N, C-alpha and C. Protein backbone atom coordinates (compact mmCIF):
# COMPACT_ATOMS: atom_id res chain seq x y z
N MET A 1 0.89 -0.83 -0.17
CA MET A 1 -0.06 -0.22 0.09
C MET A 1 0.84 1.23 0.05
N THR A 2 2.10 1.50 0.98
CA THR A 2 2.78 2.38 1.35
C THR A 2 3.52 2.57 -0.18
N ILE A 3 4.18 1.83 -0.91
CA ILE A 3 4.88 1.54 -2.05
C ILE A 3 3.65 2.19 -3.61
N GLY A 4 2.40 1.73 -3.31
CA GLY A 4 1.85 2.42 -4.71
C GLY A 4 1.57 3.93 -3.97
N LEU A 5 1.28 4.38 -3.34
CA LEU A 5 1.08 5.85 -2.53
C LEU A 5 1.79 6.73 -2.78
N LEU A 6 3.29 5.82 -2.57
CA LEU A 6 4.49 6.93 -3.63
C LEU A 6 4.42 6.63 -4.87
N PHE A 7 4.02 5.95 -5.24
CA PHE A 7 3.84 5.55 -7.01
C PHE A 7 3.22 6.87 -7.56
N PHE A 8 1.79 6.76 -6.96
CA PHE A 8 0.94 8.04 -7.44
C PHE A 8 1.93 9.12 -7.05
N ALA A 9 2.01 9.48 -6.21
CA ALA A 9 2.98 10.69 -5.54
C ALA A 9 3.56 11.63 -6.56
N SER A 10 4.65 9.86 -6.75
CA SER A 10 5.64 10.82 -7.78
C SER A 10 5.33 11.21 -9.35
N ILE A 11 4.32 10.20 -9.64
CA ILE A 11 3.61 10.54 -11.12
C ILE A 11 2.96 11.94 -10.99
N SER A 12 2.52 12.27 -9.97
CA SER A 12 1.38 13.73 -9.61
C SER A 12 2.35 14.49 -9.47
N GLU A 13 3.28 14.44 -8.99
CA GLU A 13 4.48 15.86 -9.07
C GLU A 13 5.34 15.79 -10.23
N ALA A 14 5.49 14.50 -11.00
CA ALA A 14 5.54 15.07 -12.76
C ALA A 14 5.30 15.62 -13.41
N GLN A 15 3.86 15.49 -13.31
CA GLN A 15 2.92 16.25 -14.15
C GLN A 15 3.13 17.58 -13.85
N THR A 16 2.90 17.83 -12.61
CA THR A 16 2.64 19.27 -12.06
C THR A 16 4.05 19.85 -12.67
N ILE A 17 5.00 19.58 -12.50
CA ILE A 17 6.40 20.61 -13.17
C ILE A 17 5.89 20.43 -14.71
N GLU A 18 5.76 19.36 -15.10
CA GLU A 18 5.65 19.65 -16.77
C GLU A 18 4.80 20.37 -17.06
N LEU A 19 3.41 20.60 -16.37
CA LEU A 19 2.18 21.64 -16.52
C LEU A 19 2.81 23.09 -16.50
N ALA A 20 3.63 22.74 -15.47
CA ALA A 20 3.91 24.42 -15.15
C ALA A 20 5.04 24.81 -15.94
N GLN A 21 5.59 24.17 -16.49
CA GLN A 21 6.64 25.15 -17.49
C GLN A 21 6.50 25.58 -19.05
N ASP A 22 7.18 26.77 -18.78
CA ASP A 22 6.47 27.66 -20.33
C ASP A 22 7.52 27.26 -21.09
N VAL A 23 6.17 26.81 -22.07
CA VAL A 23 7.16 26.13 -23.44
C VAL A 23 7.30 27.53 -23.92
N ASN A 24 7.23 28.35 -24.31
CA ASN A 24 7.84 29.70 -24.81
C ASN A 24 9.17 30.02 -24.58
N GLU A 25 9.88 29.71 -23.61
CA GLU A 25 11.17 29.57 -22.94
C GLU A 25 11.95 28.81 -23.80
N ASP A 26 11.32 27.81 -24.46
CA ASP A 26 12.39 26.45 -25.32
C ASP A 26 12.22 27.59 -26.91
N THR A 27 11.42 28.06 -27.04
CA THR A 27 11.03 28.44 -28.57
C THR A 27 12.11 29.71 -29.37
N VAL A 28 12.66 29.22 -30.17
CA VAL A 28 13.76 30.26 -30.52
C VAL A 28 12.84 31.15 -31.44
N ILE A 29 12.60 32.41 -31.51
CA ILE A 29 11.73 33.90 -32.37
C ILE A 29 12.88 33.78 -33.35
N SER A 30 12.52 33.92 -34.61
CA SER A 30 13.45 33.84 -35.85
C SER A 30 13.63 35.24 -35.88
N LYS A 31 14.62 35.66 -36.52
CA LYS A 31 14.87 37.10 -36.98
C LYS A 31 14.55 37.63 -38.57
N PHE A 32 14.32 35.99 -39.13
CA PHE A 32 13.68 36.67 -40.43
C PHE A 32 12.02 36.78 -40.51
N GLY A 33 11.85 37.83 -41.12
CA GLY A 33 10.60 37.98 -41.26
C GLY A 33 10.18 39.79 -41.56
N LYS A 34 8.87 39.36 -42.37
CA LYS A 34 8.65 40.91 -42.82
C LYS A 34 9.02 42.19 -41.41
N ASN A 35 8.69 41.63 -40.31
CA ASN A 35 8.37 42.76 -39.48
C ASN A 35 9.91 42.37 -38.43
N ARG A 36 10.72 41.51 -38.78
CA ARG A 36 11.70 41.23 -37.88
C ARG A 36 13.12 42.25 -38.57
N LYS A 37 14.13 41.35 -37.80
CA LYS A 37 15.03 42.19 -38.20
C LYS A 37 15.83 41.67 -39.47
N HIS A 38 15.45 40.88 -39.97
CA HIS A 38 16.23 40.71 -41.53
C HIS A 38 14.91 40.09 -42.37
N TYR A 39 14.78 40.41 -43.76
CA TYR A 39 14.19 39.96 -44.41
C TYR A 39 14.27 40.34 -46.29
N PHE A 40 14.08 39.69 -46.87
CA PHE A 40 14.25 39.17 -48.09
C PHE A 40 12.87 39.75 -49.10
N SER A 41 13.09 39.76 -50.07
CA SER A 41 11.52 39.71 -50.86
C SER A 41 12.07 40.29 -52.45
N SER A 42 11.02 40.07 -53.40
CA SER A 42 11.44 40.40 -55.01
C SER A 42 10.34 41.31 -55.32
N TYR A 43 10.28 41.94 -55.96
CA TYR A 43 9.26 42.98 -56.81
C TYR A 43 9.19 43.20 -58.36
N PHE A 44 8.04 43.43 -58.43
CA PHE A 44 7.51 43.57 -59.93
C PHE A 44 6.66 45.12 -59.87
N GLY A 45 7.72 46.03 -60.64
CA GLY A 45 7.09 47.56 -60.99
C GLY A 45 6.48 47.88 -62.49
N PHE A 46 5.93 48.92 -62.56
CA PHE A 46 5.18 49.18 -64.25
C PHE A 46 5.23 50.82 -63.73
N GLY A 47 5.68 51.78 -64.63
CA GLY A 47 5.68 53.11 -64.64
C GLY A 47 5.04 54.05 -65.96
N ILE A 48 5.04 55.09 -65.63
CA ILE A 48 4.85 55.90 -66.89
C ILE A 48 5.52 57.25 -66.80
N THR A 49 5.93 57.77 -68.09
CA THR A 49 6.82 58.53 -67.97
C THR A 49 6.09 59.91 -68.92
N PRO A 50 5.63 60.49 -68.07
CA PRO A 50 4.88 61.79 -68.25
C PRO A 50 5.13 63.11 -69.08
N GLY A 51 6.39 62.91 -68.88
CA GLY A 51 7.03 63.92 -69.58
C GLY A 51 6.71 64.53 -71.01
N GLN A 52 7.90 65.45 -71.49
CA GLN A 52 8.15 65.49 -72.93
C GLN A 52 9.41 65.97 -72.88
N VAL A 53 9.97 66.24 -74.83
CA VAL A 53 11.48 66.19 -74.77
C VAL A 53 11.10 67.96 -75.43
N GLU A 54 12.47 68.05 -74.26
CA GLU A 54 12.38 69.55 -74.85
C GLU A 54 13.09 69.95 -76.39
N THR A 55 12.28 69.92 -77.27
CA THR A 55 12.85 70.00 -78.88
C THR A 55 11.50 70.43 -79.64
N ASP A 56 11.66 71.09 -80.18
CA ASP A 56 10.22 70.84 -81.36
C ASP A 56 10.80 70.04 -82.66
N SER A 57 11.58 69.30 -82.51
CA SER A 57 11.84 68.21 -83.94
C SER A 57 10.82 67.37 -83.58
N PHE A 58 10.81 66.95 -82.59
CA PHE A 58 9.77 65.64 -82.22
C PHE A 58 9.17 65.63 -81.00
N GLN A 59 8.35 64.73 -80.72
CA GLN A 59 7.90 64.54 -79.11
C GLN A 59 7.75 63.24 -78.82
N LEU A 60 7.13 62.70 -77.65
CA LEU A 60 6.73 61.66 -77.11
C LEU A 60 5.62 61.52 -77.19
N LYS A 61 4.75 60.07 -77.84
CA LYS A 61 3.51 60.07 -77.63
C LYS A 61 2.96 59.93 -76.09
N SER A 62 1.94 61.02 -75.81
CA SER A 62 1.38 61.28 -74.40
C SER A 62 0.90 59.99 -73.82
N GLY A 63 1.82 59.85 -72.50
CA GLY A 63 1.25 58.19 -71.97
C GLY A 63 1.38 56.87 -72.11
N GLU A 64 2.31 56.96 -73.24
CA GLU A 64 2.59 55.50 -73.80
C GLU A 64 4.58 55.04 -73.66
N SER A 65 4.91 56.27 -73.15
CA SER A 65 6.53 55.55 -72.69
C SER A 65 6.49 55.26 -71.15
N THR A 66 6.96 53.90 -71.16
CA THR A 66 6.87 52.91 -70.00
C THR A 66 7.98 52.68 -69.80
N LYS A 67 8.15 52.06 -68.11
CA LYS A 67 9.33 51.21 -68.02
C LYS A 67 8.77 50.40 -66.71
N LEU A 68 9.37 49.08 -67.16
CA LEU A 68 9.55 47.70 -66.20
C LEU A 68 10.41 47.30 -65.80
N THR A 69 10.24 46.92 -64.40
CA THR A 69 11.43 46.37 -63.27
C THR A 69 10.85 45.46 -62.88
N TYR A 70 12.00 44.70 -62.35
CA TYR A 70 11.69 43.28 -61.57
C TYR A 70 13.08 43.30 -60.94
N GLY A 71 13.11 43.18 -59.80
CA GLY A 71 14.48 43.04 -58.52
C GLY A 71 13.87 42.44 -57.60
N PHE A 72 15.24 42.50 -56.62
CA PHE A 72 15.04 42.05 -55.37
C PHE A 72 15.39 42.93 -54.13
N TYR A 73 15.23 42.92 -53.16
CA TYR A 73 15.83 43.89 -52.06
C TYR A 73 15.53 42.85 -50.69
N TYR A 74 16.48 43.26 -49.88
CA TYR A 74 16.95 43.01 -48.88
C TYR A 74 16.87 44.28 -47.32
N LYS A 75 16.03 44.06 -46.70
CA LYS A 75 15.39 44.90 -45.62
C LYS A 75 16.15 44.33 -44.07
N TYR A 76 16.80 45.63 -43.65
CA TYR A 76 17.83 45.57 -41.73
C TYR A 76 16.61 46.03 -41.31
N LYS A 77 16.04 45.87 -40.36
CA LYS A 77 15.18 46.55 -39.14
C LYS A 77 16.44 46.92 -38.11
N VAL A 78 16.41 48.54 -38.02
CA VAL A 78 17.55 49.26 -37.11
C VAL A 78 16.81 49.87 -36.01
N ALA A 79 15.50 49.79 -36.29
CA ALA A 79 14.78 50.02 -34.99
C ALA A 79 12.60 50.23 -34.78
N GLU A 80 12.32 49.69 -34.18
CA GLU A 80 10.77 49.78 -34.43
C GLU A 80 10.06 50.13 -35.89
N PRO A 81 10.30 51.54 -35.98
CA PRO A 81 9.65 52.18 -36.96
C PRO A 81 10.52 52.12 -38.01
N TYR A 82 11.79 52.01 -37.96
CA TYR A 82 12.79 52.36 -38.96
C TYR A 82 13.45 51.41 -39.87
N SER A 83 13.73 51.02 -40.80
CA SER A 83 14.30 49.94 -41.56
C SER A 83 15.81 50.94 -42.98
N ILE A 84 16.72 50.02 -43.38
CA ILE A 84 17.21 50.45 -44.80
C ILE A 84 17.53 49.10 -45.51
N LEU A 85 17.50 49.62 -46.55
CA LEU A 85 17.14 48.88 -47.61
C LEU A 85 18.17 48.40 -48.41
N PHE A 86 18.52 47.63 -49.27
CA PHE A 86 19.60 47.38 -50.54
C PHE A 86 18.49 46.98 -51.63
N ALA A 87 18.56 47.25 -52.63
CA ALA A 87 17.86 46.36 -54.12
C ALA A 87 19.28 46.43 -54.73
N LEU A 88 18.61 45.17 -55.71
CA LEU A 88 19.24 45.10 -56.98
C LEU A 88 17.98 44.98 -58.28
N SER A 89 18.31 45.46 -58.78
CA SER A 89 16.81 44.95 -59.91
C SER A 89 17.30 45.67 -61.31
N TYR A 90 16.34 45.03 -62.34
CA TYR A 90 16.60 45.33 -64.20
C TYR A 90 15.41 46.26 -64.34
N GLY A 91 16.02 46.85 -65.40
CA GLY A 91 14.97 48.14 -65.72
C GLY A 91 14.87 48.09 -67.50
N LEU A 92 13.19 48.04 -68.27
CA LEU A 92 13.89 48.16 -69.13
C LEU A 92 12.32 49.59 -69.89
N SER A 93 13.38 50.46 -69.74
CA SER A 93 12.18 51.54 -70.40
C SER A 93 12.23 52.08 -71.49
N GLN A 94 11.31 52.65 -72.31
CA GLN A 94 10.39 52.35 -73.32
C GLN A 94 10.34 53.69 -73.68
N PHE A 95 10.52 54.19 -74.63
CA PHE A 95 10.14 55.63 -75.00
C PHE A 95 9.44 55.76 -76.74
N GLU A 96 8.25 56.09 -76.53
CA GLU A 96 7.61 56.25 -78.08
C GLU A 96 7.22 57.36 -78.60
N PHE A 97 7.87 57.35 -79.67
CA PHE A 97 7.64 59.03 -80.41
C PHE A 97 6.64 59.13 -81.38
N GLU A 98 6.33 60.25 -81.31
CA GLU A 98 5.23 60.49 -82.32
C GLU A 98 5.86 60.04 -83.89
N THR A 99 5.30 60.06 -84.85
CA THR A 99 5.59 59.32 -86.09
C THR A 99 4.76 60.41 -87.17
N PRO A 100 5.43 60.61 -88.68
CA PRO A 100 4.40 61.10 -89.51
C PRO A 100 3.68 59.47 -89.64
N ASP A 101 2.34 59.96 -90.49
CA ASP A 101 1.20 59.06 -90.94
C ASP A 101 2.09 57.74 -91.63
N ASP A 102 2.81 57.73 -92.46
CA ASP A 102 3.69 56.37 -92.81
C ASP A 102 4.57 55.43 -91.88
N PHE A 103 4.44 55.81 -90.80
CA PHE A 103 5.47 54.84 -89.75
C PHE A 103 4.30 54.73 -88.82
N LYS A 104 4.60 53.27 -88.64
CA LYS A 104 3.58 52.33 -87.03
C LYS A 104 4.33 53.13 -86.18
N TYR A 105 5.63 53.19 -85.99
CA TYR A 105 6.03 53.21 -84.35
C TYR A 105 7.52 53.64 -84.57
N ARG A 106 8.20 54.41 -83.86
CA ARG A 106 9.52 54.78 -83.60
C ARG A 106 9.37 54.69 -82.05
N ARG A 107 10.78 54.16 -81.46
CA ARG A 107 10.96 53.76 -80.14
C ARG A 107 12.15 53.69 -79.80
N LEU A 108 12.04 53.79 -78.62
CA LEU A 108 13.78 53.81 -77.90
C LEU A 108 13.75 52.97 -76.73
N ASN A 109 14.22 51.85 -76.73
CA ASN A 109 14.50 50.94 -75.54
C ASN A 109 15.85 50.96 -75.00
N VAL A 110 15.69 51.24 -73.60
CA VAL A 110 16.94 51.70 -73.03
C VAL A 110 17.06 50.11 -71.88
N ASN A 111 18.31 49.39 -71.76
CA ASN A 111 17.90 48.56 -70.74
C ASN A 111 18.90 48.84 -69.56
N ASP A 112 18.71 48.81 -68.20
CA ASP A 112 19.95 48.62 -67.30
C ASP A 112 19.66 47.76 -66.05
N VAL A 113 20.95 47.91 -64.98
CA VAL A 113 20.53 47.20 -64.40
C VAL A 113 20.88 48.55 -63.11
N GLU A 114 20.37 48.23 -61.92
CA GLU A 114 20.24 49.11 -60.86
C GLU A 114 20.59 48.73 -59.45
N LEU A 115 21.40 49.83 -58.44
CA LEU A 115 21.47 49.19 -57.31
C LEU A 115 21.08 50.39 -55.93
N GLU A 116 20.56 50.39 -55.33
CA GLU A 116 19.98 51.53 -54.84
C GLU A 116 19.45 50.76 -53.45
N PHE A 117 19.77 52.03 -52.55
CA PHE A 117 20.06 52.12 -50.99
C PHE A 117 18.91 53.37 -50.74
N ALA A 118 18.13 52.76 -50.01
CA ALA A 118 16.80 53.68 -49.32
C ALA A 118 16.29 53.08 -47.43
N ASN A 119 15.45 54.24 -47.28
CA ASN A 119 15.21 54.39 -45.70
C ASN A 119 13.74 54.27 -46.02
N ARG A 120 13.44 53.17 -44.86
CA ARG A 120 12.22 53.17 -44.74
C ARG A 120 11.26 53.33 -43.79
N ILE A 121 10.27 54.29 -43.16
CA ILE A 121 9.64 54.86 -42.24
C ILE A 121 8.32 53.75 -42.16
N ASN A 122 8.03 53.24 -41.11
CA ASN A 122 6.78 52.72 -41.22
C ASN A 122 5.55 53.32 -39.99
N PHE A 123 4.69 53.49 -39.93
CA PHE A 123 3.34 53.67 -39.27
C PHE A 123 2.42 52.94 -39.28
N GLY A 124 1.98 53.20 -38.23
CA GLY A 124 0.36 52.46 -38.03
C GLY A 124 0.80 50.52 -37.21
N LYS A 125 -0.34 50.24 -37.03
CA LYS A 125 -0.07 48.92 -36.32
C LYS A 125 0.20 47.51 -37.43
N ARG A 126 1.05 47.04 -36.96
CA ARG A 126 1.25 45.79 -38.59
C ARG A 126 1.68 44.22 -38.06
N GLY A 127 1.85 44.56 -36.61
CA GLY A 127 2.19 42.74 -36.33
C GLY A 127 3.29 42.14 -37.30
N ASN A 128 3.34 41.22 -37.40
CA ASN A 128 4.33 40.44 -38.23
C ASN A 128 4.03 40.59 -39.61
N THR A 129 3.59 41.41 -40.46
CA THR A 129 3.24 42.09 -42.09
C THR A 129 4.20 43.16 -41.97
N ILE A 130 3.83 43.75 -43.74
CA ILE A 130 4.67 44.61 -44.25
C ILE A 130 4.62 45.58 -43.78
N GLY A 131 2.97 46.29 -44.00
CA GLY A 131 2.07 47.36 -43.02
C GLY A 131 2.27 48.52 -44.02
N ASN A 132 2.13 49.65 -43.61
CA ASN A 132 1.98 51.35 -44.28
C ASN A 132 3.80 51.71 -43.91
N TYR A 133 4.03 52.23 -44.76
CA TYR A 133 5.63 52.86 -44.81
C TYR A 133 5.21 54.05 -45.98
N LEU A 134 6.56 54.69 -45.86
CA LEU A 134 7.00 56.11 -46.79
C LEU A 134 8.70 55.56 -46.82
N GLU A 135 8.94 55.40 -48.08
CA GLU A 135 10.34 54.84 -48.23
C GLU A 135 11.12 55.92 -49.47
N LEU A 136 11.82 56.55 -48.89
CA LEU A 136 12.78 57.31 -49.72
C LEU A 136 14.36 56.68 -49.70
N GLY A 137 14.69 56.76 -51.05
CA GLY A 137 16.25 56.12 -51.14
C GLY A 137 16.61 56.88 -52.80
N ILE A 138 17.97 56.51 -52.88
CA ILE A 138 18.75 57.25 -54.21
C ILE A 138 19.37 55.91 -54.93
N SER A 139 19.67 55.97 -55.84
CA SER A 139 20.49 55.01 -56.84
C SER A 139 21.26 55.40 -58.04
N GLY A 140 21.81 53.90 -58.06
CA GLY A 140 22.90 54.17 -59.84
C GLY A 140 22.33 52.88 -60.44
N ASP A 141 22.43 53.39 -61.81
CA ASP A 141 22.24 52.26 -62.48
C ASP A 141 23.60 52.20 -63.80
N TYR A 142 23.33 51.35 -64.09
CA TYR A 142 24.69 51.53 -65.21
C TYR A 142 23.47 50.53 -66.88
N VAL A 143 23.54 51.42 -68.03
CA VAL A 143 22.97 51.08 -69.05
C VAL A 143 24.14 49.89 -69.55
N PHE A 144 23.04 49.08 -69.90
CA PHE A 144 24.01 47.81 -70.77
C PHE A 144 23.33 47.51 -72.27
N GLY A 145 22.48 48.60 -72.44
CA GLY A 145 21.51 47.72 -74.21
C GLY A 145 20.64 48.87 -74.41
N THR A 146 20.95 49.17 -75.48
CA THR A 146 20.22 50.51 -76.00
C THR A 146 19.83 49.90 -77.27
N LYS A 147 18.38 50.44 -77.82
CA LYS A 147 17.83 49.92 -79.05
C LYS A 147 16.71 51.02 -79.67
N LEU A 148 17.24 51.79 -80.89
CA LEU A 148 16.07 52.46 -81.54
C LEU A 148 15.71 52.00 -82.95
N LEU A 149 14.27 51.59 -82.59
CA LEU A 149 13.65 50.65 -83.71
C LEU A 149 12.06 51.90 -84.49
N SER A 150 12.44 51.39 -85.22
CA SER A 150 11.34 52.33 -86.13
C SER A 150 10.47 51.66 -87.66
N LYS A 151 9.77 51.02 -87.78
CA LYS A 151 8.85 50.59 -88.79
C LYS A 151 7.95 51.28 -89.71
N GLN A 152 8.83 51.63 -91.09
CA GLN A 152 7.85 52.56 -92.15
C GLN A 152 6.71 51.67 -92.89
N ILE A 153 5.94 52.38 -93.42
CA ILE A 153 4.99 52.07 -94.51
C ILE A 153 4.77 52.43 -95.82
N ILE A 154 5.41 51.16 -97.01
CA ILE A 154 5.95 51.68 -98.14
C ILE A 154 4.63 51.32 -98.63
N ASP A 155 4.39 52.73 -99.30
CA ASP A 155 2.94 52.68 -100.22
C ASP A 155 3.37 53.36 -101.62
N ASP A 156 4.51 52.30 -102.17
CA ASP A 156 4.78 52.29 -103.59
C ASP A 156 5.27 51.23 -104.77
N PRO A 157 4.14 51.35 -105.26
CA PRO A 157 4.10 50.04 -106.28
C PRO A 157 5.25 49.84 -107.00
N THR A 158 6.15 50.55 -107.02
CA THR A 158 7.58 50.31 -108.03
C THR A 158 8.80 49.88 -107.28
N VAL A 159 8.49 49.58 -105.67
CA VAL A 159 9.00 48.25 -105.08
C VAL A 159 8.19 47.36 -104.65
N ASN A 160 9.29 46.47 -104.42
CA ASN A 160 8.71 45.21 -103.64
C ASN A 160 8.57 44.37 -102.37
N HIS A 161 8.52 45.11 -101.21
CA HIS A 161 8.11 45.29 -100.15
C HIS A 161 7.26 46.21 -99.74
N LYS A 162 6.32 45.89 -98.48
CA LYS A 162 5.18 47.00 -97.99
C LYS A 162 5.90 48.09 -96.86
N ALA A 163 6.90 47.25 -95.96
CA ALA A 163 7.61 48.03 -95.08
C ALA A 163 8.89 47.85 -94.83
N ARG A 164 9.39 48.72 -94.35
CA ARG A 164 10.94 49.00 -94.00
C ARG A 164 10.83 49.16 -92.53
N LYS A 165 11.67 48.30 -91.66
CA LYS A 165 11.83 47.98 -89.88
C LYS A 165 13.81 48.74 -90.22
N VAL A 166 13.65 49.83 -89.50
CA VAL A 166 15.38 50.10 -88.87
C VAL A 166 15.17 49.65 -87.33
N GLU A 167 16.96 48.98 -87.41
CA GLU A 167 17.01 48.87 -85.65
C GLU A 167 17.97 49.38 -85.48
N LEU A 168 18.75 50.42 -84.61
CA LEU A 168 19.73 50.95 -84.26
C LEU A 168 20.20 50.32 -83.06
N THR A 169 21.49 49.89 -82.90
CA THR A 169 21.99 49.47 -81.52
C THR A 169 23.08 50.10 -80.72
N GLY A 170 23.65 49.93 -79.48
CA GLY A 170 24.62 50.63 -78.92
C GLY A 170 24.62 51.69 -78.96
N LEU A 171 23.65 52.42 -78.94
CA LEU A 171 23.60 54.37 -79.72
C LEU A 171 24.61 54.89 -78.48
N SER A 172 25.60 55.77 -79.06
CA SER A 172 26.20 56.44 -78.02
C SER A 172 25.86 57.95 -77.06
N TYR A 173 25.00 58.25 -77.69
CA TYR A 173 24.77 59.69 -77.12
C TYR A 173 23.91 59.13 -75.84
N ILE A 174 23.45 57.58 -75.43
CA ILE A 174 22.78 57.36 -74.47
C ILE A 174 24.00 57.22 -72.91
N ASN A 175 23.70 57.94 -71.91
CA ASN A 175 24.84 58.03 -70.80
C ASN A 175 24.97 56.33 -70.17
N LYS A 176 25.31 55.80 -69.84
CA LYS A 176 25.92 54.83 -69.28
C LYS A 176 25.72 54.50 -67.68
N PRO A 177 25.96 55.39 -67.24
CA PRO A 177 25.55 55.74 -65.61
C PRO A 177 24.73 56.81 -65.55
N ASN A 178 23.94 56.58 -64.38
CA ASN A 178 23.00 57.10 -64.03
C ASN A 178 22.63 57.13 -62.76
N TYR A 179 21.58 58.12 -62.00
CA TYR A 179 21.69 58.34 -61.05
C TYR A 179 20.21 59.00 -60.58
N THR A 180 19.32 58.04 -59.68
CA THR A 180 17.99 58.83 -59.62
C THR A 180 17.57 58.37 -58.45
N ALA A 181 16.65 59.24 -57.78
CA ALA A 181 16.26 59.74 -56.54
C ALA A 181 14.97 59.30 -56.61
N HIS A 182 14.46 58.09 -55.42
CA HIS A 182 12.97 57.30 -55.72
C HIS A 182 12.00 58.04 -54.11
N ALA A 183 10.60 58.05 -54.06
CA ALA A 183 9.61 58.16 -53.16
C ALA A 183 8.76 56.95 -53.34
N ARG A 184 8.24 56.46 -52.32
CA ARG A 184 7.35 55.50 -52.50
C ARG A 184 6.30 55.25 -51.15
N PHE A 185 4.87 55.06 -51.69
CA PHE A 185 4.30 55.32 -50.22
C PHE A 185 3.98 53.38 -50.32
N GLY A 186 3.92 52.47 -49.48
CA GLY A 186 3.31 51.48 -49.72
C GLY A 186 2.24 50.80 -48.22
N SER A 187 1.92 50.03 -48.72
CA SER A 187 0.77 49.21 -47.89
C SER A 187 0.53 47.73 -47.90
N ASN A 188 1.36 46.93 -47.33
CA ASN A 188 2.03 45.60 -47.70
C ASN A 188 2.52 45.22 -49.35
N LYS A 189 1.59 44.64 -50.13
CA LYS A 189 2.57 44.37 -51.04
C LYS A 189 2.20 45.57 -52.68
N TYR A 190 1.25 46.16 -51.89
CA TYR A 190 1.02 47.15 -53.24
C TYR A 190 1.68 48.92 -53.04
N VAL A 191 1.97 49.37 -53.85
CA VAL A 191 3.38 49.83 -53.46
C VAL A 191 2.86 51.05 -54.65
N ILE A 192 2.88 52.96 -54.57
CA ILE A 192 3.11 53.62 -55.04
C ILE A 192 4.56 54.54 -55.13
N THR A 193 4.84 54.66 -56.82
CA THR A 193 6.28 54.91 -56.72
C THR A 193 6.43 56.10 -57.81
N ALA A 194 7.11 57.17 -57.41
CA ALA A 194 7.71 58.41 -58.02
C ALA A 194 9.14 57.85 -58.42
N ASP A 195 9.87 57.92 -59.37
CA ASP A 195 11.08 57.87 -59.60
C ASP A 195 11.69 59.17 -60.55
N TYR A 196 12.73 60.16 -59.94
CA TYR A 196 13.11 61.02 -60.80
C TYR A 196 14.80 60.96 -60.76
N ARG A 197 14.88 60.79 -62.16
CA ARG A 197 16.41 60.33 -62.78
C ARG A 197 17.40 62.11 -62.21
N LEU A 198 18.69 62.00 -61.86
CA LEU A 198 19.07 63.30 -61.07
C LEU A 198 20.00 63.83 -62.21
N SER A 199 20.24 62.55 -63.45
CA SER A 199 21.41 63.09 -64.33
C SER A 199 20.35 62.81 -65.70
N ASP A 200 21.32 63.63 -66.92
CA ASP A 200 20.77 63.33 -67.90
C ASP A 200 21.02 61.89 -68.54
N LEU A 201 20.11 61.50 -69.51
CA LEU A 201 20.01 59.78 -69.75
C LEU A 201 20.70 60.33 -70.71
N THR A 202 21.08 61.54 -71.78
CA THR A 202 21.33 61.72 -73.06
C THR A 202 22.68 62.64 -72.61
N ASN A 203 23.55 62.38 -74.09
CA ASN A 203 24.69 63.56 -73.55
C ASN A 203 25.07 64.67 -74.65
N ASP A 204 25.95 64.71 -74.96
CA ASP A 204 26.26 66.55 -75.72
C ASP A 204 26.28 66.14 -77.18
N ASP A 205 26.18 64.66 -77.62
CA ASP A 205 25.77 64.24 -78.72
C ASP A 205 24.84 64.41 -79.46
N ILE A 206 23.69 64.87 -78.55
CA ILE A 206 22.77 64.73 -79.06
C ILE A 206 21.82 66.25 -78.30
N ASN A 207 20.94 66.53 -79.02
CA ASN A 207 20.74 68.26 -78.46
C ASN A 207 19.37 67.96 -78.10
N PHE A 208 19.09 66.89 -77.06
CA PHE A 208 17.87 67.04 -76.29
C PHE A 208 17.57 65.51 -75.42
N ASP A 209 17.43 65.91 -74.19
CA ASP A 209 17.35 64.82 -72.68
C ASP A 209 16.00 64.59 -72.74
N LEU A 210 15.49 63.27 -72.07
CA LEU A 210 14.38 62.12 -72.07
C LEU A 210 13.93 62.90 -70.57
N PRO A 211 12.49 62.82 -70.60
CA PRO A 211 12.01 63.19 -69.35
C PRO A 211 12.82 62.42 -67.97
N PRO A 212 12.69 62.95 -66.99
CA PRO A 212 13.41 62.01 -65.74
C PRO A 212 12.13 61.36 -64.40
N LEU A 213 11.22 62.26 -64.54
CA LEU A 213 9.63 61.21 -64.23
C LEU A 213 9.31 60.47 -64.21
N THR A 214 9.24 59.47 -63.56
CA THR A 214 8.05 58.18 -63.82
C THR A 214 7.15 58.09 -62.23
N ILE A 215 5.93 57.85 -63.21
CA ILE A 215 4.85 57.60 -61.61
C ILE A 215 4.27 55.88 -62.07
N GLY A 216 4.24 55.14 -61.35
CA GLY A 216 3.45 53.94 -61.43
C GLY A 216 3.40 53.23 -60.20
N PHE A 217 3.54 51.65 -60.35
CA PHE A 217 3.09 51.37 -59.05
C PHE A 217 4.05 49.98 -58.82
N ARG A 218 3.84 48.99 -57.47
CA ARG A 218 4.78 48.37 -57.20
C ARG A 218 4.32 47.35 -57.23
N LEU A 219 4.49 45.52 -57.46
CA LEU A 219 3.36 44.45 -56.78
C LEU A 219 5.11 43.60 -55.67
N ASP A 220 5.08 43.76 -54.58
CA ASP A 220 5.82 43.19 -53.46
C ASP A 220 5.34 42.17 -53.69
N PHE A 221 6.28 40.85 -53.68
CA PHE A 221 5.80 39.44 -53.92
C PHE A 221 5.56 38.81 -52.44
N GLY A 222 6.35 39.71 -51.77
CA GLY A 222 6.32 38.96 -50.27
C GLY A 222 5.63 39.71 -49.15
N GLY A 223 4.51 40.52 -49.90
CA GLY A 223 3.67 41.20 -48.86
C GLY A 223 2.49 40.05 -49.09
């Protein structure tokens, strides 16, 4: 009888100790996450260049010049509302020019890679989400590919073709390094963007520059 009582007492004591333990004490909180010390994500962006070329010889088509971007970023949380970011992206800018009636299109394609540093300030409740934020940054990009494309419709019965395509590459009047300032307002995966190029995209070999402002949106795949 005594042995049995001692046996049940030992079981009861063991259960009491186990139930009193805080299981969270043995849980290691990850430092990686949307609102934690480290965070990685990727994004896709689309923007429209609303400005015009400062010359009377030709103009851009209104609302048809665009930029596509795809990139990756790393976010480091410095304090509760403040983080810094480093981003690497690829961009394709297309400038669509007005053309005479016998042309279908005339466009300039500019391909670049961009390295950016940004400051992000969060506001409002967010838990472990990206939340709402204002982001200010600056970037340097390198143009690695340029192409000027045009297509002309030939309405001449004396020739044996109906269209003429011209493709010029390696344009020497496009500056390879450029610098841009960025401002963004984000809410989780949805971001409104404004990018303003601080340097001239064209050099002195040609008498015009292309508009510096691009306004658009970004989709953060990690949101």
